[in-house]
Amino acid sequence: MKLAMQSNDKQGKNNPKIANAESVIIRKKTAIKAFTPEEELDYLVKRGDWELVLTSPAFKSRGPEAGVQLIREAIDNRMNQLGKTLNYLVNRGAEYHAAAMGVLERMQEMRRLRDDILKKIYEQYPRTISDKAGQKVDFY
């Protein structure tokens, strides 16, 4: 269907199919849902978008340990997705070997990143901390 017509054919004078053309109004209702920051954060974690998790306002309001656990969960979700992709590529045959190796390298890189993040945050915590009642809790 051609939308651009000649200037002398705008009213359908030369085309009998659109001689009685009228303007068409499309009324389509869309359901736009506004997510709360917590719902958005949960969505990003489930998708494995750990880079976007870092910019979420709900993430920034969390404590360091809770934030790291969210990042770990998001990275794990992304690694699961990459595992499915790797399985698909391996089963496709030898011509997909280079792509499968790229996915495998990315998975190893993400595993190292996850482990480094966890190591850094937990090295900051002392071996014992006080709970709310003031009693010492030993983690080791």
N, C-alpha and C. Protein backbone atom coordinates (compact mmCIF):
# COMPACT_ATOMS: atom_id res chain seq x y z
N MET A 1 0.85 -1.17 0.00
CA MET A 1 0.00 0.00 0.00
C MET A 1 0.89 1.23 0.00
N LYS A 2 0.70 2.08 -0.99
CA LYS A 2 1.50 3.28 -1.10
C LYS A 2 0.82 4.42 -0.38
N LEU A 3 1.56 5.02 0.51
CA LEU A 3 1.02 6.15 1.26
C LEU A 3 1.34 7.47 0.57
N ALA A 4 2.41 7.52 -0.16
CA ALA A 4 2.79 8.75 -0.83
C ALA A 4 2.17 8.75 -2.22
N MET A 5 1.23 9.66 -2.47
CA MET A 5 0.56 9.75 -3.76
C MET A 5 1.00 11.03 -4.46
N GLN A 6 0.75 11.08 -5.74
CA GLN A 6 1.04 12.29 -6.51
C GLN A 6 0.15 13.42 -6.01
N SER A 7 0.62 14.63 -6.17
CA SER A 7 -0.13 15.77 -5.65
C SER A 7 -1.50 15.92 -6.30
N ASN A 8 -1.65 15.54 -7.56
CA ASN A 8 -2.96 15.66 -8.21
C ASN A 8 -3.86 14.47 -7.89
N ASP A 9 -3.34 13.47 -7.14
CA ASP A 9 -4.11 12.28 -6.82
C ASP A 9 -4.46 12.21 -5.34
N LYS A 10 -4.34 13.31 -4.62
CA LYS A 10 -4.57 13.28 -3.18
C LYS A 10 -6.01 12.97 -2.81
N GLN A 11 -6.93 13.39 -3.57
CA GLN A 11 -8.33 13.16 -3.25
C GLN A 11 -8.87 11.90 -3.90
N GLY A 12 -8.01 11.16 -4.60
CA GLY A 12 -8.45 9.92 -5.21
C GLY A 12 -9.09 10.13 -6.56
N LYS A 13 -8.82 11.23 -7.22
CA LYS A 13 -9.43 11.53 -8.51
C LYS A 13 -9.01 10.53 -9.57
N ASN A 14 -7.77 10.12 -9.55
CA ASN A 14 -7.27 9.21 -10.57
C ASN A 14 -7.29 7.75 -10.12
N ASN A 15 -7.67 7.47 -8.92
CA ASN A 15 -7.65 6.11 -8.40
C ASN A 15 -9.04 5.79 -7.86
N PRO A 16 -9.79 4.95 -8.55
CA PRO A 16 -11.16 4.67 -8.11
C PRO A 16 -11.23 3.91 -6.79
N LYS A 17 -10.17 3.21 -6.40
CA LYS A 17 -10.20 2.44 -5.15
C LYS A 17 -10.26 3.35 -3.93
N ILE A 18 -9.72 4.55 -4.04
CA ILE A 18 -9.72 5.45 -2.89
C ILE A 18 -10.53 6.71 -3.16
N ALA A 19 -11.48 6.61 -4.07
CA ALA A 19 -12.30 7.77 -4.41
C ALA A 19 -13.10 8.26 -3.21
N ASN A 20 -13.57 7.37 -2.41
CA ASN A 20 -14.37 7.75 -1.24
C ASN A 20 -13.55 7.58 0.04
N ALA A 21 -12.27 7.88 -0.04
CA ALA A 21 -11.38 7.68 1.11
C ALA A 21 -11.70 8.66 2.22
N GLU A 22 -11.66 8.16 3.41
CA GLU A 22 -11.85 8.99 4.58
C GLU A 22 -10.65 8.79 5.49
N SER A 23 -10.47 9.70 6.39
CA SER A 23 -9.35 9.54 7.32
C SER A 23 -9.68 8.42 8.30
N VAL A 24 -8.66 7.69 8.63
CA VAL A 24 -8.82 6.55 9.52
C VAL A 24 -8.24 6.92 10.88
N ILE A 25 -9.01 6.70 11.91
CA ILE A 25 -8.56 6.97 13.27
C ILE A 25 -8.43 5.63 13.98
N ILE A 26 -7.26 5.39 14.48
CA ILE A 26 -7.02 4.14 15.20
C ILE A 26 -7.00 4.47 16.68
N ARG A 27 -7.89 3.84 17.39
CA ARG A 27 -7.93 4.03 18.83
C ARG A 27 -7.47 2.73 19.47
N LYS A 28 -6.31 2.79 20.00
CA LYS A 28 -5.75 1.61 20.63
C LYS A 28 -5.40 1.96 22.06
N LYS A 29 -5.92 1.19 22.96
CA LYS A 29 -5.61 1.42 24.36
C LYS A 29 -4.36 0.65 24.73
N THR A 30 -3.47 1.31 25.39
CA THR A 30 -2.27 0.64 25.86
C THR A 30 -2.27 0.68 27.38
N ALA A 31 -1.81 -0.38 27.94
CA ALA A 31 -1.74 -0.45 29.39
C ALA A 31 -0.29 -0.16 29.80
N ILE A 32 -0.08 1.02 30.27
CA ILE A 32 1.25 1.41 30.74
C ILE A 32 1.25 1.28 32.25
N LYS A 33 2.14 0.44 32.72
CA LYS A 33 2.21 0.22 34.15
C LYS A 33 3.48 0.85 34.68
N ALA A 34 3.33 1.60 35.70
CA ALA A 34 4.50 2.19 36.34
C ALA A 34 4.99 1.22 37.41
N PHE A 35 6.25 0.86 37.33
CA PHE A 35 6.82 -0.05 38.31
C PHE A 35 7.36 0.73 39.49
N THR A 36 7.23 0.16 40.64
CA THR A 36 7.88 0.74 41.81
C THR A 36 9.37 0.46 41.69
N PRO A 37 10.21 1.21 42.38
CA PRO A 37 11.64 0.93 42.29
C PRO A 37 12.01 -0.50 42.69
N GLU A 38 11.31 -1.07 43.66
CA GLU A 38 11.58 -2.45 44.07
C GLU A 38 11.21 -3.45 42.97
N GLU A 39 10.08 -3.21 42.29
CA GLU A 39 9.67 -4.09 41.19
C GLU A 39 10.66 -3.99 40.03
N GLU A 40 11.11 -2.77 39.76
CA GLU A 40 12.08 -2.58 38.70
C GLU A 40 13.39 -3.31 39.03
N LEU A 41 13.82 -3.20 40.27
CA LEU A 41 15.04 -3.87 40.70
C LEU A 41 14.90 -5.39 40.58
N ASP A 42 13.78 -5.92 40.99
CA ASP A 42 13.53 -7.35 40.88
C ASP A 42 13.55 -7.80 39.42
N TYR A 43 12.96 -6.99 38.55
CA TYR A 43 12.94 -7.29 37.11
C TYR A 43 14.35 -7.32 36.54
N LEU A 44 15.16 -6.34 36.91
CA LEU A 44 16.54 -6.28 36.41
C LEU A 44 17.36 -7.46 36.91
N VAL A 45 17.15 -7.84 38.15
CA VAL A 45 17.90 -8.98 38.71
C VAL A 45 17.50 -10.27 37.98
N LYS A 46 16.21 -10.46 37.74
CA LYS A 46 15.76 -11.67 37.05
C LYS A 46 16.27 -11.73 35.62
N ARG A 47 16.40 -10.58 34.98
CA ARG A 47 16.93 -10.54 33.61
C ARG A 47 18.44 -10.71 33.56
N GLY A 48 19.08 -10.52 34.70
CA GLY A 48 20.53 -10.64 34.74
C GLY A 48 21.25 -9.38 34.32
N ASP A 49 20.57 -8.25 34.34
CA ASP A 49 21.18 -6.97 33.97
C ASP A 49 21.89 -6.36 35.17
N TRP A 50 22.99 -6.95 35.55
CA TRP A 50 23.68 -6.52 36.76
C TRP A 50 24.25 -5.12 36.62
N GLU A 51 24.59 -4.70 35.39
CA GLU A 51 25.10 -3.34 35.21
C GLU A 51 24.01 -2.31 35.51
N LEU A 52 22.78 -2.61 35.09
CA LEU A 52 21.66 -1.70 35.34
C LEU A 52 21.20 -1.74 36.79
N VAL A 53 21.43 -2.86 37.45
CA VAL A 53 21.09 -2.97 38.87
C VAL A 53 21.85 -1.91 39.66
N LEU A 54 23.08 -1.66 39.27
CA LEU A 54 23.92 -0.69 39.98
C LEU A 54 23.36 0.73 39.94
N THR A 55 22.57 1.05 38.92
CA THR A 55 22.03 2.40 38.77
C THR A 55 20.63 2.55 39.34
N SER A 56 20.04 1.48 39.79
CA SER A 56 18.67 1.51 40.30
C SER A 56 18.60 2.26 41.64
N PRO A 57 17.59 3.13 41.81
CA PRO A 57 17.45 3.84 43.09
C PRO A 57 17.19 2.89 44.26
N ALA A 58 16.46 1.80 44.01
CA ALA A 58 16.20 0.83 45.09
C ALA A 58 17.49 0.13 45.50
N PHE A 59 18.39 -0.09 44.55
CA PHE A 59 19.67 -0.72 44.87
C PHE A 59 20.52 0.21 45.72
N LYS A 60 20.52 1.48 45.38
CA LYS A 60 21.34 2.46 46.10
C LYS A 60 20.89 2.64 47.54
N SER A 61 19.62 2.32 47.81
CA SER A 61 19.13 2.47 49.18
C SER A 61 19.44 1.26 50.05
N ARG A 62 19.98 0.21 49.46
CA ARG A 62 20.31 -1.01 50.20
C ARG A 62 21.65 -0.89 50.89
N GLY A 63 21.84 -1.72 51.88
CA GLY A 63 23.13 -1.80 52.55
C GLY A 63 24.14 -2.50 51.65
N PRO A 64 25.41 -2.44 52.01
CA PRO A 64 26.44 -3.03 51.14
C PRO A 64 26.27 -4.54 50.96
N GLU A 65 25.94 -5.25 52.02
CA GLU A 65 25.82 -6.70 51.89
C GLU A 65 24.61 -7.08 51.04
N ALA A 66 23.49 -6.42 51.26
CA ALA A 66 22.29 -6.70 50.46
C ALA A 66 22.53 -6.35 49.00
N GLY A 67 23.24 -5.25 48.75
CA GLY A 67 23.55 -4.86 47.38
C GLY A 67 24.42 -5.89 46.68
N VAL A 68 25.41 -6.38 47.38
CA VAL A 68 26.29 -7.39 46.79
C VAL A 68 25.53 -8.67 46.51
N GLN A 69 24.63 -9.04 47.38
CA GLN A 69 23.85 -10.26 47.14
C GLN A 69 22.95 -10.09 45.91
N LEU A 70 22.41 -8.89 45.71
CA LEU A 70 21.60 -8.64 44.50
C LEU A 70 22.46 -8.72 43.25
N ILE A 71 23.65 -8.15 43.31
CA ILE A 71 24.56 -8.23 42.16
C ILE A 71 24.93 -9.68 41.88
N ARG A 72 25.22 -10.43 42.94
CA ARG A 72 25.55 -11.85 42.76
C ARG A 72 24.41 -12.61 42.11
N GLU A 73 23.19 -12.34 42.56
CA GLU A 73 22.03 -13.02 41.99
C GLU A 73 21.84 -12.64 40.52
N ALA A 74 22.01 -11.37 40.20
CA ALA A 74 21.87 -10.92 38.81
C ALA A 74 22.95 -11.54 37.93
N ILE A 75 24.18 -11.60 38.42
CA ILE A 75 25.27 -12.21 37.64
C ILE A 75 25.00 -13.71 37.47
N ASP A 76 24.52 -14.37 38.50
CA ASP A 76 24.19 -15.79 38.38
C ASP A 76 23.09 -16.02 37.34
N ASN A 77 22.08 -15.14 37.33
CA ASN A 77 21.03 -15.25 36.33
C ASN A 77 21.59 -15.06 34.92
N ARG A 78 22.49 -14.11 34.76
CA ARG A 78 23.10 -13.90 33.44
C ARG A 78 23.96 -15.11 33.05
N MET A 79 24.68 -15.69 34.00
CA MET A 79 25.50 -16.86 33.69
C MET A 79 24.62 -18.04 33.30
N ASN A 80 23.45 -18.19 33.91
CA ASN A 80 22.51 -19.24 33.51
C ASN A 80 22.03 -19.03 32.08
N GLN A 81 21.77 -17.78 31.72
CA GLN A 81 21.38 -17.47 30.35
C GLN A 81 22.50 -17.79 29.37
N LEU A 82 23.72 -17.42 29.74
CA LEU A 82 24.87 -17.72 28.89
C LEU A 82 25.09 -19.23 28.78
N GLY A 83 24.82 -19.96 29.86
CA GLY A 83 24.93 -21.42 29.82
C GLY A 83 23.98 -22.03 28.80
N LYS A 84 22.77 -21.51 28.72
CA LYS A 84 21.81 -21.99 27.72
C LYS A 84 22.29 -21.67 26.31
N THR A 85 22.85 -20.46 26.15
CA THR A 85 23.39 -20.08 24.85
C THR A 85 24.57 -20.97 24.47
N LEU A 86 25.43 -21.25 25.43
CA LEU A 86 26.58 -22.12 25.19
C LEU A 86 26.11 -23.51 24.76
N ASN A 87 25.14 -24.05 25.46
CA ASN A 87 24.60 -25.36 25.11
C ASN A 87 24.05 -25.37 23.69
N TYR A 88 23.32 -24.32 23.34
CA TYR A 88 22.77 -24.20 21.99
C TYR A 88 23.88 -24.18 20.95
N LEU A 89 24.92 -23.37 21.19
CA LEU A 89 26.00 -23.25 20.22
C LEU A 89 26.80 -24.55 20.08
N VAL A 90 27.03 -25.22 21.19
CA VAL A 90 27.78 -26.48 21.14
C VAL A 90 27.00 -27.52 20.34
N ASN A 91 25.71 -27.54 20.51
CA ASN A 91 24.88 -28.52 19.80
C ASN A 91 24.68 -28.19 18.33
N ARG A 92 25.04 -26.99 17.91
CA ARG A 92 24.88 -26.59 16.51
C ARG A 92 25.98 -27.16 15.62
N GLY A 93 27.11 -27.50 16.19
CA GLY A 93 28.15 -28.11 15.37
C GLY A 93 29.46 -27.35 15.43
N ALA A 94 30.43 -27.87 14.67
CA ALA A 94 31.79 -27.35 14.70
C ALA A 94 31.90 -25.92 14.17
N GLU A 95 31.02 -25.53 13.27
CA GLU A 95 31.10 -24.17 12.72
C GLU A 95 30.75 -23.10 13.75
N TYR A 96 30.17 -23.51 14.86
CA TYR A 96 29.83 -22.57 15.93
C TYR A 96 30.82 -22.64 17.10
N HIS A 97 31.93 -23.32 16.88
CA HIS A 97 32.92 -23.53 17.94
C HIS A 97 33.49 -22.20 18.45
N ALA A 98 33.82 -21.27 17.55
CA ALA A 98 34.40 -19.98 17.96
C ALA A 98 33.42 -19.18 18.80
N ALA A 99 32.15 -19.19 18.40
CA ALA A 99 31.13 -18.46 19.17
C ALA A 99 30.95 -19.09 20.55
N ALA A 100 30.97 -20.43 20.60
CA ALA A 100 30.82 -21.11 21.88
C ALA A 100 31.99 -20.79 22.80
N MET A 101 33.20 -20.70 22.24
CA MET A 101 34.37 -20.36 23.05
C MET A 101 34.25 -18.93 23.58
N GLY A 102 33.71 -18.01 22.78
CA GLY A 102 33.49 -16.64 23.24
C GLY A 102 32.52 -16.58 24.41
N VAL A 103 31.44 -17.37 24.33
CA VAL A 103 30.46 -17.41 25.42
C VAL A 103 31.10 -18.01 26.67
N LEU A 104 31.90 -19.05 26.49
CA LEU A 104 32.57 -19.68 27.62
C LEU A 104 33.53 -18.71 28.31
N GLU A 105 34.28 -17.94 27.52
CA GLU A 105 35.19 -16.94 28.10
C GLU A 105 34.41 -15.88 28.86
N ARG A 106 33.27 -15.45 28.33
CA ARG A 106 32.45 -14.46 29.01
C ARG A 106 31.92 -15.01 30.34
N MET A 107 31.54 -16.27 30.34
CA MET A 107 31.06 -16.89 31.57
C MET A 107 32.17 -16.95 32.62
N GLN A 108 33.37 -17.28 32.21
CA GLN A 108 34.49 -17.33 33.15
C GLN A 108 34.82 -15.94 33.68
N GLU A 109 34.74 -14.94 32.81
CA GLU A 109 34.98 -13.56 33.23
C GLU A 109 33.94 -13.12 34.26
N MET A 110 32.70 -13.46 34.02
CA MET A 110 31.63 -13.08 34.95
C MET A 110 31.78 -13.82 36.27
N ARG A 111 32.21 -15.06 36.24
CA ARG A 111 32.43 -15.83 37.47
C ARG A 111 33.53 -15.17 38.31
N ARG A 112 34.61 -14.75 37.65
CA ARG A 112 35.69 -14.06 38.37
C ARG A 112 35.21 -12.74 38.95
N LEU A 113 34.44 -12.00 38.18
CA LEU A 113 33.90 -10.73 38.64
C LEU A 113 33.02 -10.92 39.86
N ARG A 114 32.13 -11.90 39.81
CA ARG A 114 31.25 -12.20 40.94
C ARG A 114 32.05 -12.55 42.19
N ASP A 115 33.05 -13.40 42.01
CA ASP A 115 33.86 -13.81 43.16
C ASP A 115 34.66 -12.64 43.73
N ASP A 116 35.18 -11.77 42.87
CA ASP A 116 35.93 -10.60 43.34
C ASP A 116 35.03 -9.64 44.12
N ILE A 117 33.82 -9.43 43.63
CA ILE A 117 32.89 -8.54 44.32
C ILE A 117 32.56 -9.09 45.71
N LEU A 118 32.26 -10.38 45.77
CA LEU A 118 31.95 -10.99 47.07
C LEU A 118 33.15 -10.93 48.02
N LYS A 119 34.32 -11.19 47.50
CA LYS A 119 35.53 -11.16 48.33
C LYS A 119 35.77 -9.77 48.90
N LYS A 120 35.65 -8.74 48.06
CA LYS A 120 35.92 -7.37 48.51
C LYS A 120 34.94 -6.92 49.58
N ILE A 121 33.66 -7.24 49.41
CA ILE A 121 32.69 -6.76 50.40
C ILE A 121 32.86 -7.48 51.72
N TYR A 122 33.14 -8.77 51.69
CA TYR A 122 33.24 -9.51 52.95
C TYR A 122 34.58 -9.34 53.63
N GLU A 123 35.59 -8.86 52.92
CA GLU A 123 36.85 -8.52 53.58
C GLU A 123 36.72 -7.24 54.40
N GLN A 124 35.73 -6.43 54.08
CA GLN A 124 35.52 -5.17 54.80
C GLN A 124 34.86 -5.40 56.16
N TYR A 125 34.16 -6.52 56.32
CA TYR A 125 33.48 -6.78 57.57
C TYR A 125 34.45 -7.37 58.59
N PRO A 126 34.34 -6.94 59.83
CA PRO A 126 35.18 -7.56 60.86
C PRO A 126 34.69 -8.98 61.14
N ARG A 127 35.54 -9.75 61.79
CA ARG A 127 35.18 -11.13 62.09
C ARG A 127 34.02 -11.21 63.08
N THR A 128 33.92 -10.25 63.97
CA THR A 128 32.80 -10.24 64.91
C THR A 128 32.14 -8.87 64.85
N ILE A 129 30.84 -8.86 64.94
CA ILE A 129 30.10 -7.61 65.02
C ILE A 129 29.09 -7.75 66.15
N SER A 130 28.54 -6.65 66.57
CA SER A 130 27.53 -6.69 67.62
C SER A 130 26.15 -6.74 66.98
N ASP A 131 25.30 -7.55 67.52
CA ASP A 131 23.93 -7.55 67.04
C ASP A 131 23.15 -6.43 67.73
N LYS A 132 21.87 -6.33 67.49
CA LYS A 132 21.07 -5.24 68.05
C LYS A 132 21.03 -5.26 69.57
N ALA A 133 21.16 -6.42 70.16
CA ALA A 133 21.14 -6.52 71.63
C ALA A 133 22.50 -6.21 72.23
N GLY A 134 23.50 -5.98 71.40
CA GLY A 134 24.83 -5.64 71.90
C GLY A 134 25.72 -6.84 72.14
N GLN A 135 25.25 -8.02 71.84
CA GLN A 135 26.07 -9.20 72.01
C GLN A 135 26.92 -9.43 70.76
N LYS A 136 28.11 -9.91 70.97
CA LYS A 136 29.03 -10.16 69.86
C LYS A 136 28.59 -11.41 69.12
N VAL A 137 28.65 -11.33 67.80
CA VAL A 137 28.34 -12.46 66.94
C VAL A 137 29.61 -12.79 66.18
N ASP A 138 30.09 -14.03 66.31
CA ASP A 138 31.31 -14.44 65.65
C ASP A 138 30.95 -15.19 64.36
N PHE A 139 31.53 -14.76 63.26
CA PHE A 139 31.25 -15.39 61.98
C PHE A 139 32.20 -16.52 61.65
N TYR A 140 33.27 -16.67 62.42
CA TYR A 140 34.28 -17.69 62.11
C TYR A 140 34.38 -18.69 63.21
